[in-house]
Amino acid sequence: MQPRFYPSCEREIIEIVSNALCSGDRLTIAGGGSKQQIGRSVDCSLISLGHLNGVMDHDPAELVLTARPGTPLKEIEALIAGERQMLAFEPYDHAPIFGGVPGTATIGGIFAAAVAGSRRLTAGRARDHLLGVRAISGQGELFISGAKVVKNVTGFDLPKLLAGSWGRLGIITELTMKLLPRPETTATCLVMGLDPSAAIGAMAKAMGSQADVSCAAYRPSSAKQTAICAFRVEGFAPSVESRCGKLHALLAGHGEIVRAGQREADAFWGDMRSLASLPISSPLWRVNLPPSNAPSFLHDVAAEPGQYLMDWAGGLIWLATPCPAECVRAAAGRRGGHAMLIRADVGTRRDVDAFHPQPPGLAALEERVRRAFDPDSIFETGRF
C-alpha cells in the first residue's frame, strides 16, 4: 500500500512535494474523500488535507470568508447560516451519491471539483465566488493569488483556474470566498404531469420572464409519482408572492400548478443533490448540454423515466443508464454537450475516462497549463 500523508501546515506539504520530486513519486489529493470514487482507482501516495482545517476569518459585514481546505462544508454552512448568509452557488456533498455518510465534503474539495447545485443557474459557478487562494505547485513552491476583498483585478486570476482543476495544478492550502445574504423567503412552484419536451418549454419560458426564478428542475414520472417541473422563487416575502403570481399566470397553459409545502420542496431539491431517486446499479453520468437539446439527447440514449433528472433548466442531466459509454458520449457530442462519468463499477472506471474527450486544440492548451504548474507531472496519477 502506498503511503498516506496528513499534513497540518504548508511547510509539511512543501516537504512532501519536494520529496516526491526527488523520488519520482506521484501524489493524489483528497479532502474528505467524498469524490474519490470518480475516475480510475490509482495506486500512488495520497495527501489528505483533513488536518488542514478551520475558518481563518469571517467578516459578515463584507460577506467574505477565509478557510483552510480541509474544513467540512457543513461547518462552514452552519457558521454562515448564523449570520443569515450562504454560499450562493449551492454546493453539495457527493458522499450520498456513492452510498457514503453525508457530511464528509470539504470546502477545498468543493472548489477543486467546482461543485455547484441548482442555484448555479442564476448565481454562477463555484469559481465565480472564489476570491483568493494560497496553493503549492508541483515544484513545491507556495504561490498566492487573489485577495480577501470582492473588488480585486490585479494580476492573473489564478483562483478561477484552480477551481475545477481536481488537484492537478496544485494543492490549495487556503481559500477566500464571497458570500451572499440568505433569502428572507423561499417558495417552490410545481407544474405537474409534463413530459420532457413540455418541461423544457415551461422552464425556458419561466427563465425568460420577470418572475426572476432562481432554480428550475424536472423529475420525470415514476410508478409512485407524477412528473414534476419545479421552480424556486426567492427574496423578500411581498416580492416572492408577486413573482409566484406571475409564474402561475405565465405557465397556466402548461398544466396544473401548485405551491409546494416546505417539506415537499426540501425533498425535491434534496433529491437534486443526493440523486437518491436514480438507480445505484447503473453507471451515473453528468451531462451538460444546451437545454433545448435535452429531450433529443434523452431519446438518443433511450432514457426511461426513473433513469434521469434535469437541473439548470435542462442544461444539466443526471443520467443513470446501462447504455454503453460510447453511445452516451456520442449522443452528448451530437447535441453540443459533454458527458462526465461520475459513478460506475471498477471495471468501467478503468476502461472509460471520467472526462469527456476534448478537441485537440483545447487538450493541448490544458496540457501546457498543467505543465506550467506541474512540470514534473507529480499530480498526474492517471486517475483522469
Protein backbone atom coordinates (compact mmCIF):
# COMPACT_ATOMS: atom_id res chain seq x y z
CA MET A 1 0.00 0.00 0.00
CA GLN A 2 1.27 3.44 -0.91
CA PRO A 3 1.86 5.93 1.93
CA ARG A 4 -0.77 8.39 3.11
CA PHE A 5 0.21 11.83 4.35
CA TYR A 6 -1.81 14.02 6.71
CA PRO A 7 -0.10 17.42 6.72
CA SER A 8 -1.29 20.10 9.11
CA CYS A 9 0.58 23.08 7.63
CA GLU A 10 2.03 24.40 4.38
CA ARG A 11 5.59 23.60 5.40
CA GLU A 12 4.75 19.90 5.68
CA ILE A 13 3.08 19.91 2.26
CA ILE A 14 6.10 21.57 0.68
CA GLU A 15 8.31 18.89 2.21
CA ILE A 16 6.09 16.09 0.88
CA VAL A 17 6.07 17.59 -2.62
CA SER A 18 9.83 18.14 -2.55
CA ASN A 19 10.41 14.52 -1.52
CA ALA A 20 8.12 13.34 -4.33
CA LEU A 21 10.14 15.38 -6.81
CA CYS A 22 13.30 13.66 -5.66
CA SER A 23 11.84 10.15 -5.66
CA GLY A 24 9.69 10.44 -8.79
CA ASP A 25 6.58 9.62 -6.76
CA ARG A 26 3.07 10.64 -7.80
CA LEU A 27 0.66 12.39 -5.43
CA THR A 28 -3.13 12.38 -5.37
CA ILE A 29 -5.01 14.93 -3.28
CA ALA A 30 -8.10 14.38 -1.12
CA GLY A 31 -10.13 16.36 1.39
CA GLY A 32 -12.92 14.34 2.97
CA GLY A 33 -12.76 11.67 0.26
CA SER A 34 -16.37 12.16 -0.88
CA LYS A 35 -15.34 12.18 -4.56
CA GLN A 36 -12.52 9.62 -4.50
CA GLN A 37 -14.60 7.13 -6.50
CA ILE A 38 -14.73 9.48 -9.50
CA GLY A 39 -12.13 8.46 -12.07
CA ARG A 40 -9.81 5.45 -12.12
CA SER A 41 -8.52 3.77 -8.99
CA VAL A 42 -4.85 4.71 -8.63
CA ASP A 43 -2.01 3.27 -6.58
CA CYS A 44 0.05 6.26 -5.51
CA SER A 45 0.75 8.33 -2.43
CA LEU A 46 -2.23 10.25 -1.07
CA ILE A 47 -2.16 13.66 0.61
CA SER A 48 -5.21 14.08 2.83
CA LEU A 49 -5.93 17.69 3.74
CA GLY A 50 -8.37 16.79 6.50
CA HIS A 51 -5.98 18.07 9.19
CA LEU A 52 -5.53 21.39 7.41
CA ASN A 53 -8.87 22.76 8.55
CA GLY A 54 -10.57 25.65 10.27
CA VAL A 55 -12.09 29.01 9.39
CA MET A 56 -9.36 31.65 9.38
CA ASP A 57 -11.57 34.72 9.04
CA HIS A 58 -15.23 35.56 8.57
CA ASP A 59 -16.27 39.16 8.00
CA PRO A 60 -20.09 39.13 7.89
CA ALA A 61 -20.27 42.83 7.03
CA GLU A 62 -18.07 42.34 3.96
CA LEU A 63 -19.62 38.97 3.02
CA VAL A 64 -16.19 37.31 2.86
CA LEU A 65 -14.87 34.12 4.47
CA THR A 66 -11.39 32.55 4.52
CA ALA A 67 -10.90 28.88 5.40
CA ARG A 68 -8.39 26.06 5.11
CA PRO A 69 -9.23 23.39 2.52
CA GLY A 70 -9.98 20.54 4.94
CA THR A 71 -12.78 22.45 6.66
CA PRO A 72 -16.02 20.46 6.33
CA LEU A 73 -18.61 22.11 4.12
CA LYS A 74 -21.28 21.51 6.76
CA GLU A 75 -19.30 23.53 9.34
CA ILE A 76 -18.96 26.49 7.03
CA GLU A 77 -22.64 26.38 6.10
CA ALA A 78 -23.62 26.23 9.79
CA LEU A 79 -21.35 29.17 10.64
CA ILE A 80 -22.60 31.49 7.93
CA ALA A 81 -26.24 30.44 8.42
CA GLY A 82 -25.97 32.06 11.86
CA GLU A 83 -25.38 35.35 10.05
CA ARG A 84 -28.17 34.63 7.54
CA GLN A 85 -25.62 34.18 4.78
CA MET A 86 -24.94 31.39 2.29
CA LEU A 87 -22.66 30.05 -0.42
CA ALA A 88 -24.78 31.24 -3.32
CA PHE A 89 -23.76 28.53 -5.80
CA GLU A 90 -25.35 25.91 -3.52
CA PRO A 91 -22.55 23.32 -3.21
CA TYR A 92 -23.44 19.81 -2.10
CA ASP A 93 -21.85 16.69 -0.67
CA HIS A 94 -21.09 13.86 -3.13
CA ALA A 95 -20.92 11.20 -0.41
CA PRO A 96 -24.62 10.16 -0.61
CA ILE A 97 -24.25 9.67 -4.38
CA PHE A 98 -21.80 6.85 -3.62
CA GLY A 99 -23.76 5.50 -0.68
CA GLY A 100 -21.48 7.23 1.82
CA VAL A 101 -22.18 9.11 5.02
CA PRO A 102 -23.32 12.72 4.45
CA GLY A 103 -21.12 15.45 5.85
CA THR A 104 -17.72 14.37 4.54
CA ALA A 105 -17.31 17.01 1.82
CA THR A 106 -14.72 19.72 2.47
CA ILE A 107 -14.59 23.27 1.16
CA GLY A 108 -11.31 22.56 -0.64
CA GLY A 109 -12.85 19.62 -2.47
CA ILE A 110 -15.90 21.71 -3.39
CA PHE A 111 -13.77 24.29 -5.19
CA ALA A 112 -11.24 21.79 -6.59
CA ALA A 113 -14.13 19.95 -8.28
CA ALA A 114 -16.17 23.12 -8.91
CA VAL A 115 -19.29 21.64 -7.33
CA ALA A 116 -22.44 23.73 -7.78
CA GLY A 117 -26.07 22.86 -7.19
CA SER A 118 -29.41 24.02 -8.55
CA ARG A 119 -28.82 27.74 -7.89
CA ARG A 120 -25.77 27.71 -10.18
CA LEU A 121 -28.25 28.51 -12.95
CA THR A 122 -28.57 32.10 -11.71
CA ALA A 123 -25.86 32.56 -9.05
CA GLY A 124 -22.95 31.40 -11.19
CA ARG A 125 -20.28 28.73 -10.86
CA ALA A 126 -18.13 27.90 -7.85
CA ARG A 127 -15.17 29.70 -9.44
CA ASP A 128 -17.24 32.88 -9.71
CA HIS A 129 -17.28 33.04 -5.90
CA LEU A 130 -13.61 32.29 -5.24
CA LEU A 131 -11.68 35.47 -4.45
CA GLY A 132 -8.24 34.27 -3.43
CA VAL A 133 -6.08 31.22 -2.75
CA ARG A 134 -2.82 30.09 -1.27
CA ALA A 135 -1.52 26.98 -3.01
CA ILE A 136 1.57 24.85 -3.55
CA SER A 137 2.64 23.97 -7.08
CA GLY A 138 4.13 20.73 -8.40
CA GLN A 139 7.55 22.31 -7.86
CA GLY A 140 6.95 22.65 -4.14
CA GLU A 141 6.56 26.42 -4.34
CA LEU A 142 3.97 28.42 -2.44
CA PHE A 143 2.03 30.94 -4.52
CA ILE A 144 -0.67 33.40 -3.55
CA SER A 145 -3.28 34.83 -5.88
CA GLY A 146 -6.35 36.99 -5.50
CA ALA A 147 -7.26 38.86 -2.34
CA LYS A 148 -9.61 38.95 0.62
CA VAL A 149 -11.80 41.64 -0.90
CA VAL A 150 -14.51 41.39 -3.52
CA LYS A 151 -13.08 44.10 -5.79
CA ASN A 152 -9.71 42.85 -6.99
CA VAL A 153 -8.48 42.88 -10.58
CA THR A 154 -4.71 42.85 -10.13
CA GLY A 155 -2.65 40.14 -11.84
CA PHE A 156 -3.71 36.82 -13.34
CA ASP A 157 -6.93 35.38 -11.93
CA LEU A 158 -5.39 32.08 -10.83
CA PRO A 159 -8.17 31.25 -8.33
CA LYS A 160 -10.56 30.80 -11.25
CA LEU A 161 -8.03 28.49 -12.91
CA LEU A 162 -7.60 26.32 -9.81
CA ALA A 163 -11.36 25.94 -9.34
CA GLY A 164 -12.34 22.77 -11.18
CA SER A 165 -8.73 21.59 -11.63
CA TRP A 166 -9.28 18.49 -9.45
CA GLY A 167 -5.90 18.93 -7.73
CA ARG A 168 -3.91 18.63 -10.96
CA LEU A 169 -2.43 22.15 -10.84
CA GLY A 170 -1.53 22.46 -7.20
CA ILE A 171 -2.52 21.84 -3.60
CA ILE A 172 -4.79 24.57 -2.25
CA THR A 173 -3.93 25.45 1.36
CA GLU A 174 -6.28 28.39 1.93
CA LEU A 175 -9.35 29.79 0.17
CA THR A 176 -11.16 33.10 0.37
CA MET A 177 -14.71 33.13 -0.94
CA LYS A 178 -17.52 35.63 -1.21
CA LEU A 179 -20.89 35.02 0.42
CA LEU A 180 -24.39 36.29 -0.21
CA PRO A 181 -27.26 37.12 2.14
CA ARG A 182 -29.70 34.27 2.61
CA PRO A 183 -33.13 35.00 1.05
CA GLU A 184 -35.79 36.05 3.52
CA THR A 185 -38.45 33.89 1.85
CA THR A 186 -38.30 30.90 -0.49
CA ALA A 187 -41.18 29.36 -2.43
CA THR A 188 -41.33 26.44 -4.85
CA CYS A 189 -44.00 26.25 -7.53
CA LEU A 190 -44.68 22.91 -9.23
CA VAL A 191 -46.13 22.19 -12.65
CA MET A 192 -47.40 18.63 -12.70
CA GLY A 193 -47.52 15.98 -15.39
CA LEU A 194 -45.26 17.40 -18.11
CA ASP A 195 -43.19 15.28 -20.48
CA PRO A 196 -39.52 16.28 -21.03
CA SER A 197 -40.19 18.43 -24.10
CA ALA A 198 -43.03 20.29 -22.41
CA ALA A 199 -40.91 20.73 -19.28
CA ILE A 200 -38.07 22.29 -21.29
CA GLY A 201 -40.56 24.69 -22.85
CA ALA A 202 -42.01 25.65 -19.47
CA MET A 203 -38.58 26.17 -17.93
CA ALA A 204 -37.40 28.29 -20.86
CA LYS A 205 -40.49 30.46 -20.60
CA ALA A 206 -40.07 30.89 -16.84
CA MET A 207 -36.35 31.72 -17.05
CA GLY A 208 -37.01 34.35 -19.70
CA SER A 209 -39.74 36.04 -17.67
CA GLN A 210 -39.82 38.72 -14.98
CA ALA A 211 -40.61 36.11 -12.35
CA ASP A 212 -36.87 36.05 -11.55
CA VAL A 213 -36.74 32.28 -10.95
CA SER A 214 -33.54 31.18 -9.17
CA CYS A 215 -33.78 27.42 -9.87
CA ALA A 216 -35.66 25.27 -12.39
CA ALA A 217 -35.56 21.46 -12.47
CA TYR A 218 -37.54 18.45 -13.67
CA ARG A 219 -38.14 14.98 -12.29
CA PRO A 220 -39.94 12.57 -14.66
CA SER A 221 -42.83 10.38 -13.67
CA SER A 222 -42.39 7.01 -12.00
CA ALA A 223 -44.60 4.24 -10.71
CA LYS A 224 -45.01 6.12 -7.42
CA GLN A 225 -45.25 9.78 -8.51
CA THR A 226 -46.23 12.07 -11.35
CA ALA A 227 -43.74 14.15 -13.28
CA ILE A 228 -42.75 17.40 -11.54
CA CYS A 229 -41.29 20.57 -13.04
CA ALA A 230 -40.18 22.78 -10.14
CA PHE A 231 -39.39 26.49 -9.94
CA ARG A 232 -37.81 28.17 -6.92
CA VAL A 233 -38.50 31.83 -6.24
CA GLU A 234 -36.53 33.69 -3.54
CA GLY A 235 -36.40 37.14 -1.96
CA PHE A 236 -38.50 39.37 0.27
CA ALA A 237 -41.94 37.99 1.04
CA PRO A 238 -44.06 40.53 -0.94
CA SER A 239 -41.79 40.15 -3.97
CA VAL A 240 -41.93 36.34 -3.79
CA GLU A 241 -45.73 36.38 -3.66
CA SER A 242 -45.92 38.75 -6.61
CA ARG A 243 -43.49 36.74 -8.72
CA CYS A 244 -45.20 33.44 -7.88
CA GLY A 245 -48.41 35.04 -9.15
CA LYS A 246 -46.66 35.99 -12.40
CA LEU A 247 -45.34 32.45 -12.70
CA HIS A 248 -48.82 30.96 -12.27
CA ALA A 249 -50.23 33.22 -14.97
CA LEU A 250 -47.30 32.57 -17.28
CA LEU A 251 -47.46 28.77 -17.02
CA ALA A 252 -51.22 28.33 -16.75
CA GLY A 253 -51.37 26.73 -20.18
CA HIS A 254 -48.78 24.09 -19.32
CA GLY A 255 -50.74 22.13 -16.72
CA GLU A 256 -51.72 22.00 -13.08
CA ILE A 257 -49.67 24.42 -10.93
CA VAL A 258 -49.38 24.02 -7.16
CA ARG A 259 -47.35 25.66 -4.41
CA ALA A 260 -45.18 23.06 -2.69
CA GLY A 261 -45.14 22.81 1.08
CA GLN A 262 -41.79 23.24 2.81
CA ARG A 263 -41.28 19.52 3.35
CA GLU A 264 -42.16 18.67 -0.25
CA ALA A 265 -39.89 21.43 -1.59
CA ASP A 266 -36.98 20.35 0.62
CA ALA A 267 -37.41 16.74 -0.55
CA PHE A 268 -37.43 17.72 -4.22
CA TRP A 269 -34.35 19.96 -4.11
CA GLY A 270 -32.64 17.48 -1.82
CA ASP A 271 -33.15 14.80 -4.46
CA MET A 272 -31.40 17.06 -6.97
CA ARG A 273 -28.33 16.97 -4.70
CA SER A 274 -28.34 13.37 -3.47
CA LEU A 275 -29.81 11.79 -6.65
CA ALA A 276 -31.47 9.27 -4.36
CA SER A 277 -34.26 8.58 -6.88
CA LEU A 278 -31.83 7.29 -9.52
CA PRO A 279 -30.83 3.59 -9.65
CA ILE A 280 -27.47 2.98 -7.99
CA SER A 281 -26.81 -0.16 -10.06
CA SER A 282 -26.24 1.68 -13.36
CA PRO A 283 -23.33 3.97 -14.33
CA LEU A 284 -24.11 7.58 -13.44
CA TRP A 285 -23.37 10.37 -15.93
CA ARG A 286 -23.31 14.13 -15.54
CA VAL A 287 -24.30 15.56 -18.92
CA ASN A 288 -24.09 19.27 -19.76
CA LEU A 289 -25.70 20.48 -22.98
CA PRO A 290 -27.93 23.25 -24.36
CA PRO A 291 -31.31 22.88 -22.63
CA SER A 292 -33.23 22.81 -25.91
CA ASN A 293 -31.30 19.66 -26.89
CA ALA A 294 -32.10 17.75 -23.71
CA PRO A 295 -35.22 15.91 -25.00
CA SER A 296 -33.45 14.70 -28.15
CA PHE A 297 -30.45 13.56 -26.12
CA LEU A 298 -32.70 11.56 -23.81
CA HIS A 299 -34.30 9.98 -26.86
CA ASP A 300 -30.90 9.10 -28.32
CA VAL A 301 -29.85 7.20 -25.19
CA ALA A 302 -33.32 5.67 -24.73
CA ALA A 303 -33.58 7.11 -21.23
CA GLU A 304 -36.60 5.86 -19.32
CA PRO A 305 -38.45 7.66 -16.51
CA GLY A 306 -36.64 6.95 -13.28
CA GLN A 307 -33.23 6.95 -15.02
CA TYR A 308 -32.64 10.70 -15.17
CA LEU A 309 -33.16 14.11 -13.57
CA MET A 310 -32.88 17.51 -15.24
CA ASP A 311 -31.49 20.56 -13.44
CA TRP A 312 -30.33 24.04 -14.53
CA ALA A 313 -33.49 24.42 -16.66
CA GLY A 314 -32.41 21.36 -18.66
CA GLY A 315 -28.75 22.31 -19.04
CA LEU A 316 -27.69 19.55 -16.63
CA ILE A 317 -28.89 15.96 -16.90
CA TRP A 318 -28.07 13.33 -14.30
CA LEU A 319 -28.38 10.04 -16.18
CA ALA A 320 -28.19 6.56 -14.64
CA THR A 321 -28.26 4.14 -17.54
CA PRO A 322 -26.76 0.84 -18.75
CA CYS A 323 -26.32 2.47 -22.17
CA PRO A 324 -22.68 1.98 -23.35
CA ALA A 325 -20.28 4.84 -22.63
CA GLU A 326 -19.52 5.46 -26.29
CA CYS A 327 -23.24 5.88 -27.02
CA VAL A 328 -23.77 8.34 -24.15
CA ARG A 329 -20.78 10.44 -25.20
CA ALA A 330 -21.64 10.33 -28.90
CA ALA A 331 -25.20 11.47 -28.16
CA ALA A 332 -23.94 14.29 -25.92
CA GLY A 333 -21.43 15.38 -28.56
CA ARG A 334 -24.06 15.45 -31.32
CA ARG A 335 -26.20 17.70 -29.17
CA GLY A 336 -23.43 20.19 -28.39
CA GLY A 337 -22.66 18.84 -24.93
CA HIS A 338 -20.29 16.65 -22.94
CA ALA A 339 -20.70 13.76 -20.50
CA MET A 340 -18.66 13.06 -17.37
CA LEU A 341 -18.69 9.59 -15.80
CA ILE A 342 -19.43 10.05 -12.10
CA ARG A 343 -20.21 6.60 -10.71
CA ALA A 344 -19.55 3.11 -12.09
CA ASP A 345 -18.01 -0.22 -11.18
CA VAL A 346 -14.23 -0.57 -11.06
CA GLY A 347 -14.05 -2.21 -14.50
CA THR A 348 -15.98 0.58 -16.21
CA ARG A 349 -13.93 3.24 -14.43
CA ARG A 350 -10.76 1.51 -15.60
CA ASP A 351 -11.85 1.44 -19.25
CA VAL A 352 -13.70 4.76 -19.54
CA ASP A 353 -12.15 8.18 -18.91
CA ALA A 354 -14.03 10.25 -16.36
CA PHE A 355 -13.90 13.39 -18.50
CA HIS A 356 -15.36 13.77 -21.97
CA PRO A 357 -12.57 13.72 -24.61
CA GLN A 358 -11.50 17.25 -25.57
CA PRO A 359 -10.84 18.69 -29.03
CA PRO A 360 -7.10 18.50 -29.83
CA GLY A 361 -6.52 22.25 -29.55
CA LEU A 362 -8.17 22.53 -26.14
CA ALA A 363 -6.39 19.40 -24.88
CA ALA A 364 -3.03 20.85 -25.94
CA LEU A 365 -3.77 24.13 -24.19
CA GLU A 366 -4.77 22.36 -20.98
CA GLU A 367 -1.60 20.28 -21.12
CA ARG A 368 0.55 23.42 -21.39
CA VAL A 369 -1.22 24.97 -18.40
CA ARG A 370 -0.73 21.82 -16.30
CA ARG A 371 2.97 21.64 -17.18
CA ALA A 372 3.40 25.29 -16.15
CA PHE A 373 2.18 24.43 -12.65
CA ASP A 374 3.46 20.86 -12.50
CA PRO A 375 6.41 20.40 -14.91
CA ASP A 376 7.41 17.01 -13.43
CA SER A 377 3.83 15.64 -13.53
CA ILE A 378 3.75 14.60 -9.89
CA PHE A 379 -0.01 15.33 -9.79
CA GLU A 380 -0.64 13.27 -12.97
CA THR A 381 -1.68 9.98 -11.37
CA GLY A 382 -3.68 8.50 -14.24
CA ARG A 383 -6.92 8.93 -12.31
CA PHE A 384 -8.45 11.06 -15.07
